[in-house]
Amino acid sequence: MKTSTQTNGRQTVPVNKLLSILIIAVLFFGASCTQTEIKENEASEPCFTKESLQTVPWIKDQLAWFQVPKEGALRVAVYRYRGQDFLAFENPSLSSPMSYIFNCAGKKIGELDINYNEFYDHVELTAILLEGKY
């Protein structure tokens, strides 16, 4: 098997040597990123907390709508979907439950092109911030 090319009688750098240099460069670059650096880039604080129910304006507005008398049962839960946190206002009588699931920026999952069934098939419940009946 030929492992190098030849041009005008001169032999160029062997293909195996180039491949070896490339592999070493990739390994060196990958090793330069430590676990500590990765964790520093992750959010240090969760974007949804019990306090955010009373301090973040758009969350307060959503919660107030559900807390009107006769709206029924309410659960406010935080889910993790594909590495991102989402806040869900869950009420069994909702006709469009996907309209009440938001990312940290306050965008609904429909605006993010996330299918409702896909979302609930692949989420992890991380916290329940509120449960009540109104």
N, C-alpha and C. Protein backbone atom coordinates (compact mmCIF):
# COMPACT_ATOMS: atom_id res chain seq x y z
N MET A 1 0.85 -1.16 0.00
CA MET A 1 0.00 0.00 0.00
C MET A 1 0.90 1.22 0.00
N LYS A 2 0.55 2.19 -0.82
CA LYS A 2 1.33 3.41 -0.95
C LYS A 2 0.90 4.38 0.15
N THR A 3 1.85 4.87 0.93
CA THR A 3 1.51 5.77 2.03
C THR A 3 2.02 7.18 1.81
N SER A 4 2.61 7.44 0.69
CA SER A 4 3.07 8.79 0.42
C SER A 4 2.89 9.09 -1.07
N THR A 5 2.96 10.33 -1.39
CA THR A 5 2.84 10.72 -2.79
C THR A 5 4.21 11.15 -3.28
N GLN A 6 4.39 11.14 -4.58
CA GLN A 6 5.68 11.48 -5.15
C GLN A 6 5.44 12.52 -6.24
N THR A 7 6.23 13.58 -6.24
CA THR A 7 6.11 14.64 -7.22
C THR A 7 7.48 14.92 -7.82
N ASN A 8 7.60 14.74 -9.11
CA ASN A 8 8.86 15.00 -9.83
C ASN A 8 10.06 14.33 -9.17
N GLY A 9 9.87 13.11 -8.74
CA GLY A 9 10.98 12.38 -8.16
C GLY A 9 11.25 12.70 -6.70
N ARG A 10 10.58 13.71 -6.13
CA ARG A 10 10.77 14.03 -4.72
C ARG A 10 9.63 13.44 -3.91
N GLN A 11 9.93 12.95 -2.78
CA GLN A 11 8.89 12.37 -1.94
C GLN A 11 8.36 13.44 -0.99
N THR A 12 7.00 13.58 -0.94
CA THR A 12 6.40 14.55 -0.02
C THR A 12 6.20 13.89 1.33
N VAL A 13 5.63 14.64 2.26
CA VAL A 13 5.41 14.14 3.61
C VAL A 13 4.49 12.92 3.55
N PRO A 14 4.83 11.86 4.22
CA PRO A 14 3.99 10.65 4.20
C PRO A 14 2.61 10.95 4.79
N VAL A 15 1.60 10.34 4.22
CA VAL A 15 0.22 10.53 4.67
C VAL A 15 0.06 10.10 6.13
N ASN A 16 0.71 9.02 6.51
CA ASN A 16 0.63 8.54 7.89
C ASN A 16 1.16 9.58 8.87
N LYS A 17 2.22 10.27 8.49
CA LYS A 17 2.80 11.28 9.37
C LYS A 17 1.84 12.45 9.54
N LEU A 18 1.20 12.87 8.44
CA LEU A 18 0.21 13.96 8.51
C LEU A 18 -0.97 13.56 9.39
N LEU A 19 -1.42 12.33 9.21
CA LEU A 19 -2.54 11.85 10.01
C LEU A 19 -2.17 11.81 11.49
N SER A 20 -0.97 11.38 11.80
CA SER A 20 -0.50 11.33 13.19
C SER A 20 -0.46 12.71 13.80
N ILE A 21 0.05 13.69 13.05
CA ILE A 21 0.13 15.06 13.55
C ILE A 21 -1.28 15.60 13.81
N LEU A 22 -2.19 15.32 12.92
CA LEU A 22 -3.56 15.78 13.07
C LEU A 22 -4.21 15.17 14.32
N ILE A 23 -4.03 13.89 14.52
CA ILE A 23 -4.61 13.22 15.69
C ILE A 23 -4.02 13.79 16.98
N ILE A 24 -2.72 14.01 17.02
CA ILE A 24 -2.07 14.57 18.21
C ILE A 24 -2.61 15.97 18.48
N ALA A 25 -2.78 16.77 17.44
CA ALA A 25 -3.30 18.13 17.61
C ALA A 25 -4.72 18.11 18.19
N VAL A 26 -5.56 17.22 17.70
CA VAL A 26 -6.93 17.11 18.20
C VAL A 26 -6.93 16.66 19.66
N LEU A 27 -6.12 15.70 20.00
CA LEU A 27 -6.03 15.22 21.38
C LEU A 27 -5.51 16.32 22.31
N PHE A 28 -4.51 17.06 21.85
CA PHE A 28 -3.95 18.13 22.67
C PHE A 28 -5.00 19.22 22.91
N PHE A 29 -5.71 19.59 21.88
CA PHE A 29 -6.75 20.62 22.01
C PHE A 29 -7.86 20.14 22.94
N GLY A 30 -8.30 18.91 22.80
CA GLY A 30 -9.35 18.36 23.65
C GLY A 30 -8.92 18.27 25.11
N ALA A 31 -7.67 17.95 25.35
CA ALA A 31 -7.17 17.83 26.72
C ALA A 31 -6.99 19.19 27.39
N SER A 32 -6.92 20.25 26.59
CA SER A 32 -6.71 21.57 27.18
C SER A 32 -7.96 22.12 27.85
N CYS A 33 -9.11 21.53 27.58
CA CYS A 33 -10.36 21.96 28.21
C CYS A 33 -10.63 21.06 29.40
N THR A 34 -10.48 21.61 30.60
CA THR A 34 -10.65 20.80 31.80
C THR A 34 -12.09 20.81 32.28
N GLN A 35 -12.42 19.90 33.15
CA GLN A 35 -13.77 19.81 33.71
C GLN A 35 -14.12 21.09 34.46
N THR A 36 -13.15 21.71 35.12
CA THR A 36 -13.39 22.95 35.84
C THR A 36 -13.83 24.05 34.89
N GLU A 37 -13.18 24.15 33.74
CA GLU A 37 -13.55 25.17 32.76
C GLU A 37 -14.95 24.93 32.23
N ILE A 38 -15.32 23.70 32.03
CA ILE A 38 -16.66 23.38 31.54
C ILE A 38 -17.69 23.80 32.57
N LYS A 39 -17.47 23.51 33.83
CA LYS A 39 -18.43 23.86 34.88
C LYS A 39 -18.56 25.36 35.04
N GLU A 40 -17.46 26.11 34.83
CA GLU A 40 -17.53 27.56 34.95
C GLU A 40 -18.46 28.16 33.91
N ASN A 41 -18.58 27.53 32.76
CA ASN A 41 -19.44 28.04 31.70
C ASN A 41 -20.90 27.69 31.91
N GLU A 42 -21.19 26.75 32.78
CA GLU A 42 -22.57 26.39 33.06
C GLU A 42 -23.18 27.42 34.00
N ALA A 43 -24.49 27.56 33.94
CA ALA A 43 -25.16 28.51 34.83
C ALA A 43 -24.95 28.09 36.27
N SER A 44 -24.51 29.03 37.10
CA SER A 44 -24.25 28.69 38.50
C SER A 44 -25.54 28.69 39.31
N GLU A 45 -26.53 29.45 38.88
CA GLU A 45 -27.81 29.52 39.56
C GLU A 45 -28.91 28.97 38.65
N PRO A 46 -29.85 28.24 39.20
CA PRO A 46 -30.98 27.80 38.37
C PRO A 46 -31.79 29.02 37.96
N CYS A 47 -32.40 28.99 36.79
CA CYS A 47 -33.12 30.19 36.37
C CYS A 47 -34.52 30.24 36.96
N PHE A 48 -35.02 29.15 37.51
CA PHE A 48 -36.34 29.16 38.14
C PHE A 48 -36.22 28.70 39.59
N THR A 49 -36.68 29.55 40.50
CA THR A 49 -36.68 29.24 41.93
C THR A 49 -38.03 29.67 42.51
N LYS A 50 -38.28 29.30 43.75
CA LYS A 50 -39.51 29.76 44.40
C LYS A 50 -39.56 31.28 44.45
N GLU A 51 -38.40 31.90 44.65
CA GLU A 51 -38.35 33.36 44.69
C GLU A 51 -38.73 33.98 43.35
N SER A 52 -38.36 33.32 42.25
CA SER A 52 -38.66 33.88 40.93
C SER A 52 -40.17 33.96 40.68
N LEU A 53 -40.96 33.16 41.42
CA LEU A 53 -42.41 33.23 41.28
C LEU A 53 -42.94 34.59 41.75
N GLN A 54 -42.16 35.28 42.59
CA GLN A 54 -42.59 36.58 43.09
C GLN A 54 -41.72 37.74 42.60
N THR A 55 -40.62 37.45 41.93
CA THR A 55 -39.72 38.53 41.53
C THR A 55 -39.61 38.75 40.03
N VAL A 56 -39.88 37.75 39.22
CA VAL A 56 -39.76 37.89 37.76
C VAL A 56 -41.13 38.28 37.20
N PRO A 57 -41.23 39.46 36.57
CA PRO A 57 -42.53 39.97 36.15
C PRO A 57 -43.37 39.02 35.28
N TRP A 58 -42.80 38.42 34.25
CA TRP A 58 -43.62 37.57 33.39
C TRP A 58 -44.08 36.30 34.12
N ILE A 59 -43.28 35.81 35.05
CA ILE A 59 -43.67 34.63 35.83
C ILE A 59 -44.80 35.02 36.80
N LYS A 60 -44.67 36.17 37.43
CA LYS A 60 -45.73 36.65 38.33
C LYS A 60 -47.05 36.79 37.59
N ASP A 61 -47.01 37.31 36.36
CA ASP A 61 -48.24 37.47 35.57
C ASP A 61 -48.89 36.13 35.25
N GLN A 62 -48.09 35.16 34.85
CA GLN A 62 -48.63 33.83 34.56
C GLN A 62 -49.24 33.21 35.82
N LEU A 63 -48.52 33.30 36.91
CA LEU A 63 -48.99 32.72 38.16
C LEU A 63 -50.29 33.37 38.61
N ALA A 64 -50.39 34.68 38.48
CA ALA A 64 -51.61 35.40 38.89
C ALA A 64 -52.81 34.92 38.09
N TRP A 65 -52.61 34.65 36.80
CA TRP A 65 -53.70 34.18 35.96
C TRP A 65 -54.24 32.84 36.47
N PHE A 66 -53.35 31.96 36.89
CA PHE A 66 -53.77 30.64 37.38
C PHE A 66 -54.33 30.68 38.79
N GLN A 67 -53.99 31.70 39.55
CA GLN A 67 -54.44 31.77 40.93
C GLN A 67 -55.81 32.44 41.10
N VAL A 68 -56.45 32.76 39.99
CA VAL A 68 -57.81 33.30 40.05
C VAL A 68 -58.72 32.19 40.57
N PRO A 69 -59.64 32.51 41.49
CA PRO A 69 -60.55 31.47 41.99
C PRO A 69 -61.26 30.74 40.85
N LYS A 70 -61.47 29.46 41.05
CA LYS A 70 -62.12 28.51 40.15
C LYS A 70 -61.25 28.01 39.00
N GLU A 71 -59.98 28.36 38.98
CA GLU A 71 -59.10 27.83 37.94
C GLU A 71 -58.70 26.38 38.23
N GLY A 72 -58.87 25.93 39.47
CA GLY A 72 -58.61 24.53 39.79
C GLY A 72 -57.20 24.27 40.29
N ALA A 73 -56.76 23.04 40.10
CA ALA A 73 -55.44 22.61 40.58
C ALA A 73 -54.34 23.26 39.77
N LEU A 74 -53.25 23.53 40.44
CA LEU A 74 -52.09 24.12 39.77
C LEU A 74 -50.82 23.51 40.34
N ARG A 75 -49.94 23.17 39.44
CA ARG A 75 -48.60 22.76 39.82
C ARG A 75 -47.63 23.55 38.95
N VAL A 76 -46.67 24.19 39.59
CA VAL A 76 -45.62 24.90 38.88
C VAL A 76 -44.35 24.08 39.05
N ALA A 77 -43.87 23.55 37.94
CA ALA A 77 -42.74 22.61 37.99
C ALA A 77 -41.61 23.08 37.07
N VAL A 78 -40.41 22.69 37.45
CA VAL A 78 -39.24 22.96 36.62
C VAL A 78 -38.79 21.64 36.02
N TYR A 79 -38.62 21.65 34.71
CA TYR A 79 -38.16 20.47 33.98
C TYR A 79 -36.85 20.79 33.28
N ARG A 80 -36.04 19.76 33.09
CA ARG A 80 -34.82 19.89 32.30
C ARG A 80 -35.06 19.11 31.00
N TYR A 81 -34.92 19.82 29.89
CA TYR A 81 -35.09 19.24 28.56
C TYR A 81 -33.86 19.59 27.73
N ARG A 82 -33.11 18.57 27.35
CA ARG A 82 -31.90 18.74 26.53
C ARG A 82 -30.96 19.80 27.10
N GLY A 83 -30.75 19.73 28.41
CA GLY A 83 -29.79 20.60 29.07
C GLY A 83 -30.30 21.98 29.43
N GLN A 84 -31.56 22.28 29.15
CA GLN A 84 -32.12 23.59 29.47
C GLN A 84 -33.27 23.43 30.45
N ASP A 85 -33.44 24.45 31.32
CA ASP A 85 -34.54 24.45 32.26
C ASP A 85 -35.78 25.08 31.65
N PHE A 86 -36.94 24.51 31.98
CA PHE A 86 -38.22 25.02 31.52
C PHE A 86 -39.17 25.07 32.71
N LEU A 87 -40.01 26.10 32.74
CA LEU A 87 -41.00 26.27 33.78
C LEU A 87 -42.36 25.93 33.20
N ALA A 88 -43.08 25.02 33.87
CA ALA A 88 -44.39 24.59 33.39
C ALA A 88 -45.46 24.92 34.42
N PHE A 89 -46.51 25.59 33.96
CA PHE A 89 -47.70 25.83 34.76
C PHE A 89 -48.68 24.74 34.35
N GLU A 90 -48.92 23.78 35.24
CA GLU A 90 -49.70 22.59 34.88
C GLU A 90 -51.05 22.61 35.58
N ASN A 91 -52.08 22.52 34.76
CA ASN A 91 -53.45 22.50 35.23
C ASN A 91 -54.17 21.46 34.38
N PRO A 92 -54.83 20.47 35.00
CA PRO A 92 -55.44 19.39 34.22
C PRO A 92 -56.56 19.84 33.27
N SER A 93 -57.11 21.01 33.47
CA SER A 93 -58.22 21.44 32.61
C SER A 93 -57.79 22.33 31.45
N LEU A 94 -56.49 22.50 31.24
CA LEU A 94 -56.02 23.34 30.14
C LEU A 94 -56.28 22.69 28.80
N SER A 95 -56.75 23.48 27.85
CA SER A 95 -56.96 22.94 26.51
C SER A 95 -55.69 23.02 25.67
N SER A 96 -54.77 23.86 26.05
CA SER A 96 -53.51 24.01 25.32
C SER A 96 -52.35 24.09 26.30
N PRO A 97 -51.99 22.96 26.91
CA PRO A 97 -50.96 23.00 27.96
C PRO A 97 -49.59 23.46 27.47
N MET A 98 -49.29 23.28 26.18
CA MET A 98 -47.98 23.70 25.69
C MET A 98 -47.82 25.22 25.71
N SER A 99 -48.92 25.94 25.85
CA SER A 99 -48.86 27.40 25.92
C SER A 99 -48.37 27.90 27.27
N TYR A 100 -48.16 27.00 28.19
CA TYR A 100 -47.77 27.40 29.54
C TYR A 100 -46.47 26.73 29.99
N ILE A 101 -45.60 26.44 29.03
CA ILE A 101 -44.27 25.90 29.32
C ILE A 101 -43.26 26.87 28.72
N PHE A 102 -42.37 27.39 29.55
CA PHE A 102 -41.48 28.48 29.15
C PHE A 102 -40.02 28.14 29.40
N ASN A 103 -39.14 28.69 28.56
CA ASN A 103 -37.71 28.59 28.84
C ASN A 103 -37.30 29.74 29.75
N CYS A 104 -36.02 29.86 30.05
CA CYS A 104 -35.54 30.88 30.99
C CYS A 104 -35.80 32.30 30.49
N ALA A 105 -35.90 32.48 29.19
CA ALA A 105 -36.13 33.81 28.62
C ALA A 105 -37.62 34.14 28.53
N GLY A 106 -38.47 33.20 28.92
CA GLY A 106 -39.91 33.44 28.87
C GLY A 106 -40.57 33.07 27.56
N LYS A 107 -39.86 32.35 26.71
CA LYS A 107 -40.44 31.91 25.43
C LYS A 107 -41.14 30.57 25.61
N LYS A 108 -42.30 30.45 24.97
CA LYS A 108 -43.08 29.21 25.03
C LYS A 108 -42.42 28.15 24.16
N ILE A 109 -42.65 26.88 24.53
CA ILE A 109 -42.02 25.81 23.75
C ILE A 109 -42.49 25.81 22.30
N GLY A 110 -43.71 26.27 22.04
CA GLY A 110 -44.19 26.38 20.66
C GLY A 110 -43.37 27.36 19.85
N GLU A 111 -42.96 28.46 20.48
CA GLU A 111 -42.12 29.45 19.81
C GLU A 111 -40.73 28.90 19.53
N LEU A 112 -40.33 27.91 20.29
CA LEU A 112 -39.00 27.31 20.14
C LEU A 112 -39.04 26.08 19.24
N ASP A 113 -40.19 25.82 18.63
CA ASP A 113 -40.39 24.65 17.76
C ASP A 113 -40.13 23.34 18.48
N ILE A 114 -40.54 23.27 19.75
CA ILE A 114 -40.44 22.03 20.51
C ILE A 114 -41.84 21.44 20.60
N ASN A 115 -41.98 20.23 20.13
CA ASN A 115 -43.26 19.52 20.17
C ASN A 115 -43.60 19.16 21.61
N TYR A 116 -44.87 19.36 21.99
CA TYR A 116 -45.33 19.10 23.35
C TYR A 116 -45.05 17.65 23.77
N ASN A 117 -45.43 16.70 22.92
CA ASN A 117 -45.21 15.29 23.26
C ASN A 117 -43.72 14.96 23.32
N GLU A 118 -42.95 15.50 22.42
CA GLU A 118 -41.49 15.31 22.43
C GLU A 118 -40.91 15.85 23.73
N PHE A 119 -41.40 17.01 24.15
CA PHE A 119 -40.93 17.63 25.38
C PHE A 119 -41.16 16.70 26.57
N TYR A 120 -42.41 16.28 26.76
CA TYR A 120 -42.72 15.45 27.93
C TYR A 120 -42.15 14.04 27.85
N ASP A 121 -41.83 13.58 26.65
CA ASP A 121 -41.20 12.26 26.52
C ASP A 121 -39.73 12.28 26.95
N HIS A 122 -39.11 13.47 26.95
CA HIS A 122 -37.67 13.55 27.19
C HIS A 122 -37.28 14.53 28.30
N VAL A 123 -38.15 14.77 29.24
CA VAL A 123 -37.82 15.71 30.31
C VAL A 123 -37.50 14.98 31.60
N GLU A 124 -36.85 15.73 32.46
CA GLU A 124 -36.57 15.27 33.81
C GLU A 124 -37.12 16.33 34.76
N LEU A 125 -37.99 15.92 35.66
CA LEU A 125 -38.54 16.84 36.67
C LEU A 125 -37.42 17.18 37.64
N THR A 126 -37.11 18.48 37.79
CA THR A 126 -36.03 18.88 38.68
C THR A 126 -36.52 19.56 39.96
N ALA A 127 -37.72 20.16 39.89
CA ALA A 127 -38.26 20.82 41.09
C ALA A 127 -39.73 21.10 40.92
N ILE A 128 -40.44 21.07 42.05
CA ILE A 128 -41.83 21.52 42.09
C ILE A 128 -41.82 22.79 42.96
N LEU A 129 -42.15 23.91 42.33
CA LEU A 129 -42.06 25.18 43.04
C LEU A 129 -43.35 25.53 43.77
N LEU A 130 -44.48 24.99 43.29
CA LEU A 130 -45.76 25.34 43.89
C LEU A 130 -46.80 24.28 43.53
N GLU A 131 -47.61 23.92 44.50
CA GLU A 131 -48.78 23.07 44.24
C GLU A 131 -49.93 23.67 45.04
N GLY A 132 -51.07 23.80 44.38
CA GLY A 132 -52.21 24.39 45.08
C GLY A 132 -53.49 24.22 44.30
N LYS A 133 -54.57 24.66 44.93
CA LYS A 133 -55.90 24.62 44.31
C LYS A 133 -56.49 26.02 44.43
N TYR A 134 -57.03 26.51 43.32
CA TYR A 134 -57.55 27.87 43.31
C TYR A 134 -58.95 27.91 42.77
